[in-house]
């Protein structure tokens, strides 16, 4: 799938089951909040987790070059940090991107860089 345009993005914590690592993005936490809103998961609010402190669970509605609409699921998350602020205080943090395919990474990058 070649992504021509992203027409919608929303947070959906129930749509991310079965995703796995597909790429990375270097970004400031505040930029991610500006673009995607507050994280879906802030583990310290839920008593802490074993591997992820901060996570966005996203669904993008995209149009391909033929004008067909599809949904791409993506997650942006930190991984195995000692606490919640390691990723949130580093302006050049290397975030993990999860999804069901490379389209997840492409959507995250396009949405941040091109401001769909």
C-alpha atoms as a PDB file:
ATOM      1  CA  UNK A   1       0.000   0.000   0.000  1.00  0.00           C
ATOM      2  CA  UNK A   2       1.291   3.435  -0.917  1.00  0.00           C
ATOM      3  CA  UNK A   3      -0.232   6.041   1.382  1.00  0.00           C
ATOM      4  CA  UNK A   4      -1.452   8.979  -0.620  1.00  0.00           C
ATOM      5  CA  UNK A   5      -3.207  10.837   2.191  1.00  0.00           C
ATOM      6  CA  UNK A   6      -4.128  10.370   5.823  1.00  0.00           C
ATOM      7  CA  UNK A   7      -7.704  11.529   6.324  1.00  0.00           C
ATOM      8  CA  UNK A   8      -8.148  10.742  10.011  1.00  0.00           C
ATOM      9  CA  UNK A   9      -6.245   9.612  13.081  1.00  0.00           C
ATOM     10  CA  UNK A  10      -7.726   8.684  16.418  1.00  0.00           C
ATOM     11  CA  UNK A  11      -6.623   6.993  19.608  1.00  0.00           C
ATOM     12  CA  UNK A  12      -8.054   3.502  20.041  1.00  0.00           C
ATOM     13  CA  UNK A  13      -6.611   1.356  22.814  1.00  0.00           C
ATOM     14  CA  UNK A  14      -8.655  -1.694  21.747  1.00  0.00           C
ATOM     15  CA  UNK A  15      -7.341  -1.919  18.192  1.00  0.00           C
ATOM     16  CA  UNK A  16      -3.660  -2.633  18.843  1.00  0.00           C
ATOM     17  CA  UNK A  17      -3.687  -6.323  19.740  1.00  0.00           C
ATOM     18  CA  UNK A  18      -1.243  -8.364  17.696  1.00  0.00           C
ATOM     19  CA  UNK A  19       0.998  -5.464  16.704  1.00  0.00           C
ATOM     20  CA  UNK A  20       4.771  -5.769  16.828  1.00  0.00           C
ATOM     21  CA  UNK A  21       7.827  -3.598  16.281  1.00  0.00           C
ATOM     22  CA  UNK A  22       8.041  -2.249  12.711  1.00  0.00           C
ATOM     23  CA  UNK A  23      10.347   0.756  13.133  1.00  0.00           C
ATOM     24  CA  UNK A  24      11.505   3.734  15.157  1.00  0.00           C
ATOM     25  CA  UNK A  25      11.195   7.498  15.173  1.00  0.00           C
ATOM     26  CA  UNK A  26      13.343  10.069  16.952  1.00  0.00           C
ATOM     27  CA  UNK A  27      11.034  12.667  18.449  1.00  0.00           C
ATOM     28  CA  UNK A  28      10.415  14.861  21.451  1.00  0.00           C
ATOM     29  CA  UNK A  29       7.628  13.744  23.803  1.00  0.00           C
ATOM     30  CA  UNK A  30       6.059  17.210  23.659  1.00  0.00           C
ATOM     31  CA  UNK A  31       5.899  17.048  19.849  1.00  0.00           C
ATOM     32  CA  UNK A  32       4.107  13.691  20.032  1.00  0.00           C
ATOM     33  CA  UNK A  33       1.614  15.147  22.518  1.00  0.00           C
ATOM     34  CA  UNK A  34       1.102  18.154  20.231  1.00  0.00           C
ATOM     35  CA  UNK A  35       0.442  15.908  17.221  1.00  0.00           C
ATOM     36  CA  UNK A  36      -1.399  12.928  18.761  1.00  0.00           C
ATOM     37  CA  UNK A  37      -2.694  14.230  22.108  1.00  0.00           C
ATOM     38  CA  UNK A  38      -1.917  12.785  25.518  1.00  0.00           C
ATOM     39  CA  UNK A  39      -0.674   9.179  25.489  1.00  0.00           C
ATOM     40  CA  UNK A  40      -3.227   6.392  25.628  1.00  0.00           C
ATOM     41  CA  UNK A  41      -1.137   4.781  28.377  1.00  0.00           C
ATOM     42  CA  UNK A  42       0.838   6.453  31.153  1.00  0.00           C
ATOM     43  CA  UNK A  43       1.891   3.440  33.191  1.00  0.00           C
ATOM     44  CA  UNK A  44       2.652   5.362  36.368  1.00  0.00           C
ATOM     45  CA  UNK A  45      -1.050   6.286  36.509  1.00  0.00           C
ATOM     46  CA  UNK A  46      -1.856   2.562  36.506  1.00  0.00           C
ATOM     47  CA  UNK A  47       0.765   1.386  38.997  1.00  0.00           C
ATOM     48  CA  UNK A  48       3.595   0.902  36.507  1.00  0.00           C
ATOM     49  CA  UNK A  49       4.216  -1.789  33.928  1.00  0.00           C
ATOM     50  CA  UNK A  50       7.055  -4.148  33.209  1.00  0.00           C
ATOM     51  CA  UNK A  51       8.175  -2.901  29.782  1.00  0.00           C
ATOM     52  CA  UNK A  52       6.260   0.199  28.605  1.00  0.00           C
ATOM     53  CA  UNK A  53       5.739   3.497  30.436  1.00  0.00           C
ATOM     54  CA  UNK A  54       4.301   5.656  27.663  1.00  0.00           C
ATOM     55  CA  UNK A  55       2.234   4.546  24.666  1.00  0.00           C
ATOM     56  CA  UNK A  56      -0.028   5.989  21.990  1.00  0.00           C
ATOM     57  CA  UNK A  57      -2.485   3.544  20.394  1.00  0.00           C
ATOM     58  CA  UNK A  58      -3.520   4.965  17.033  1.00  0.00           C
ATOM     59  CA  UNK A  59      -5.646   4.168  14.019  1.00  0.00           C
ATOM     60  CA  UNK A  60      -5.069   6.042  10.763  1.00  0.00           C
ATOM     61  CA  UNK A  61      -7.574   6.185   7.926  1.00  0.00           C
ATOM     62  CA  UNK A  62      -5.582   6.357   4.710  1.00  0.00           C
ATOM     63  CA  UNK A  63      -6.208   6.666   0.991  1.00  0.00           C
ATOM     64  CA  UNK A  64      -4.001   4.757  -1.427  1.00  0.00           C
ATOM     65  CA  UNK A  65      -3.067   5.847  -4.949  1.00  0.00           C
ATOM     66  CA  UNK A  66      -6.306   4.302  -6.271  1.00  0.00           C
ATOM     67  CA  UNK A  67      -8.426   6.275  -3.820  1.00  0.00           C
ATOM     68  CA  UNK A  68      -9.281   3.204  -1.736  1.00  0.00           C
ATOM     69  CA  UNK A  69      -9.665   3.763   1.999  1.00  0.00           C
ATOM     70  CA  UNK A  70      -7.954   1.538   4.557  1.00  0.00           C
ATOM     71  CA  UNK A  71      -7.221   1.556   8.281  1.00  0.00           C
ATOM     72  CA  UNK A  72      -3.668   1.310   9.609  1.00  0.00           C
ATOM     73  CA  UNK A  73      -3.057   0.546  13.276  1.00  0.00           C
ATOM     74  CA  UNK A  74       0.071   1.876  14.970  1.00  0.00           C
ATOM     75  CA  UNK A  75       1.563   2.231  18.421  1.00  0.00           C
ATOM     76  CA  UNK A  76       4.291   4.601  19.570  1.00  0.00           C
ATOM     77  CA  UNK A  77       5.963   3.547  22.794  1.00  0.00           C
ATOM     78  CA  UNK A  78       9.060   3.584  24.953  1.00  0.00           C
ATOM     79  CA  UNK A  79      10.630   0.227  25.774  1.00  0.00           C
ATOM     80  CA  UNK A  80      12.212  -1.125  28.947  1.00  0.00           C
ATOM     81  CA  UNK A  81      13.118   2.211  30.513  1.00  0.00           C
ATOM     82  CA  UNK A  82      13.784   2.498  34.245  1.00  0.00           C
ATOM     83  CA  UNK A  83      10.975   4.980  34.696  1.00  0.00           C
ATOM     84  CA  UNK A  84       8.441   7.119  32.859  1.00  0.00           C
ATOM     85  CA  UNK A  85      10.624  10.178  32.422  1.00  0.00           C
ATOM     86  CA  UNK A  86      13.544   8.666  30.484  1.00  0.00           C
ATOM     87  CA  UNK A  87      11.590   8.969  27.243  1.00  0.00           C
ATOM     88  CA  UNK A  88       9.662  12.100  28.166  1.00  0.00           C
ATOM     89  CA  UNK A  89      12.666  14.281  29.002  1.00  0.00           C
ATOM     90  CA  UNK A  90      14.976  13.396  26.099  1.00  0.00           C
ATOM     91  CA  UNK A  91      14.154  15.667  23.124  1.00  0.00           C
ATOM     92  CA  UNK A  92      15.802  13.141  20.781  1.00  0.00           C
ATOM     93  CA  UNK A  93      14.342   9.961  22.211  1.00  0.00           C
ATOM     94  CA  UNK A  94      14.183   6.944  19.882  1.00  0.00           C
ATOM     95  CA  UNK A  95      10.557   5.775  20.150  1.00  0.00           C
ATOM     96  CA  UNK A  96       9.442   2.328  19.022  1.00  0.00           C
ATOM     97  CA  UNK A  97       6.677   2.086  16.423  1.00  0.00           C
ATOM     98  CA  UNK A  98       4.474  -0.988  16.426  1.00  0.00           C
ATOM     99  CA  UNK A  99       1.986  -2.128  13.849  1.00  0.00           C
ATOM    100  CA  UNK A 100       0.872  -4.936  11.580  1.00  0.00           C
ATOM    101  CA  UNK A 101       3.207  -3.835   8.783  1.00  0.00           C
ATOM    102  CA  UNK A 102       5.537  -1.103   7.555  1.00  0.00           C
ATOM    103  CA  UNK A 103       2.528   1.143   6.837  1.00  0.00           C
ATOM    104  CA  UNK A 104       2.346   1.932  10.572  1.00  0.00           C
ATOM    105  CA  UNK A 105       5.792   3.526  10.528  1.00  0.00           C
ATOM    106  CA  UNK A 106       4.977   5.381   7.317  1.00  0.00           C
ATOM    107  CA  UNK A 107       1.765   6.793   8.798  1.00  0.00           C
ATOM    108  CA  UNK A 108       3.438   7.978  11.997  1.00  0.00           C
ATOM    109  CA  UNK A 109       6.270   9.653  10.085  1.00  0.00           C
ATOM    110  CA  UNK A 110       3.991  11.269   7.491  1.00  0.00           C
ATOM    111  CA  UNK A 111       1.595  12.555  10.121  1.00  0.00           C
ATOM    112  CA  UNK A 112       4.385  14.111  12.194  1.00  0.00           C
ATOM    113  CA  UNK A 113       6.460  15.474   9.304  1.00  0.00           C
ATOM    114  CA  UNK A 114       3.763  16.550   6.868  1.00  0.00           C
ATOM    115  CA  UNK A 115       1.009  17.503   9.301  1.00  0.00           C
ATOM    116  CA  UNK A 116      -1.927  15.785   7.626  1.00  0.00           C
END
